C-alpha atoms as a PDB file:
ATOM      1  CA  MET A   1       0.095   0.428  -0.032  1.00  0.00           C
ATOM      2  CA  CYS A   2       1.363   3.424  -1.365  1.00  0.00           C
ATOM      3  CA  THR A   3       1.844   6.371   1.526  1.00  0.00           C
ATOM      4  CA  HIS A   4       2.966   8.766  -0.823  1.00  0.00           C
ATOM      5  CA  SER A   5       1.377  11.982  -1.795  1.00  0.00           C
ATOM      6  CA  PRO A   6       0.401  11.572  -4.547  1.00  0.00           C
ATOM      7  CA  GLU A   7      -0.463   8.026  -4.410  1.00  0.00           C
ATOM      8  CA  CYS A   8       2.048   6.044  -6.720  1.00  0.00           C
ATOM      9  CA  PRO A   9       0.345   4.268  -9.853  1.00  0.00           C
ATOM     10  CA  THR A  10      -0.575   0.415  -9.449  1.00  0.00           C
ATOM     11  CA  ALA A  11       1.205  -2.178 -11.119  1.00  0.00           C
ATOM     12  CA  ASP A  12      -1.475  -2.506 -13.602  1.00  0.00           C
ATOM     13  CA  SER A  13      -1.360   1.352 -14.410  1.00  0.00           C
ATOM     14  CA  PRO A  14       0.457   1.879 -17.849  1.00  0.00           C
ATOM     15  CA  ASP A  15       2.530   4.430 -16.019  1.00  0.00           C
ATOM     16  CA  ARG A  16       3.597   1.849 -13.434  1.00  0.00           C
ATOM     17  CA  GLU A  17       7.306   2.861 -14.297  1.00  0.00           C
ATOM     18  CA  ALA A  18       6.829   6.256 -12.301  1.00  0.00           C
ATOM     19  CA  ALA A  19       5.992   5.048  -8.815  1.00  0.00           C
ATOM     20  CA  ARG A  20       8.983   5.816  -6.614  1.00  0.00           C
ATOM     21  CA  VAL A  21      11.909   3.564  -6.003  1.00  0.00           C
ATOM     22  CA  VAL A  22      12.160   1.678  -2.599  1.00  0.00           C
ATOM     23  CA  ALA A  23      15.381  -0.548  -3.022  1.00  0.00           C
ATOM     24  CA  ALA A  24      17.604  -0.481  -5.490  1.00  0.00           C
ATOM     25  CA  CYS A  25      20.785  -2.540  -6.387  1.00  0.00           C
ATOM     26  CA  PRO A  26      22.515  -0.785  -9.208  1.00  0.00           C
ATOM     27  CA  GLU A  27      25.331  -3.232  -9.875  1.00  0.00           C
ATOM     28  CA  GLN A  28      23.028  -5.620 -10.271  1.00  0.00           C
ATOM     29  CA  GLY A  29      20.858  -3.830 -12.566  1.00  0.00           C
ATOM     30  CA  TRP A  30      17.224  -3.488 -10.770  1.00  0.00           C
ATOM     31  CA  SER A  31      15.306  -1.232  -8.988  1.00  0.00           C
ATOM     32  CA  LEU A  32      11.897  -2.177  -6.581  1.00  0.00           C
ATOM     33  CA  LEU A  33       9.244   0.384  -6.823  1.00  0.00           C
ATOM     34  CA  CYS A  34       6.807   1.169  -4.130  1.00  0.00           C
ATOM     35  CA  ASN A  35       4.037  -0.663  -6.288  1.00  0.00           C
ATOM     36  CA  ALA A  36       6.400  -4.107  -5.951  1.00  0.00           C
ATOM     37  CA  VAL A  37       7.315  -3.883  -9.848  1.00  0.00           C
ATOM     38  CA  LEU A  38      10.843  -4.786 -10.417  1.00  0.00           C
ATOM     39  CA  LEU A  39      12.340  -2.979 -12.883  1.00  0.00           C
ATOM     40  CA  PHE A  40      15.566  -3.655 -14.525  1.00  0.00           C
ATOM     41  CA  GLU A  41      18.175  -1.298 -16.245  1.00  0.00           C
ATOM     42  CA  ASP A  42      17.339  -2.965 -19.582  1.00  0.00           C
ATOM     43  CA  THR A  43      14.203  -1.361 -18.972  1.00  0.00           C
ATOM     44  CA  GLY A  44      12.365  -5.052 -18.653  1.00  0.00           C
ATOM     45  CA  GLU A  45       9.907  -5.492 -15.558  1.00  0.00           C
ATOM     46  CA  LEU A  46       8.750  -8.543 -13.288  1.00  0.00           C
ATOM     47  CA  LEU A  47       5.097  -7.213 -11.844  1.00  0.00           C
ATOM     48  CA  PRO A  48       4.056  -8.775  -8.423  1.00  0.00           C
ATOM     49  CA  ASP A  49       1.692 -11.204 -10.095  1.00  0.00           C
ATOM     50  CA  GLY A  50       4.831 -12.836 -11.811  1.00  0.00           C
ATOM     51  CA  ARG A  51       3.944 -11.404 -15.235  1.00  0.00           C
ATOM     52  CA  VAL A  52       7.056 -10.326 -17.344  1.00  0.00           C
ATOM     53  CA  VAL A  53       7.012  -7.495 -19.726  1.00  0.00           C
ATOM     54  CA  ASP A  54       9.665  -7.353 -22.086  1.00  0.00           C
ATOM     55  CA  PRO A  55      12.480  -4.743 -22.555  1.00  0.00           C
ATOM     56  CA  HIS A  56      11.166  -1.403 -24.334  1.00  0.00           C
ATOM     57  CA  ARG A  57      14.203   0.455 -25.218  1.00  0.00           C
ATOM     58  CA  PRO A  58      13.915   2.817 -27.590  1.00  0.00           C
ATOM     59  CA  LEU A  59      15.460   1.404 -30.943  1.00  0.00           C
ATOM     60  CA  VAL A  60      18.832   3.314 -31.408  1.00  0.00           C
ATOM     61  CA  ALA A  61      19.500   4.184 -35.288  1.00  0.00           C
ATOM     62  CA  THR A  62      23.144   3.565 -36.838  1.00  0.00           C
ATOM     63  CA  ALA A  63      24.150   5.505 -39.460  1.00  0.00           C
END
């Protein structure tokens, strides 16, 4: 349960990545958000119900 004001988006919300970080391990490349989403540095996510969100970094154009 989020105690922030304004309240953080839920794990099912499209803007779930906007929740506040409550724990992080940058050397391992992950952050735990207030809404219980594990956010990885490659932009992949593990949702609290076990669903996986594939990385969604923008593609880098090569010239």
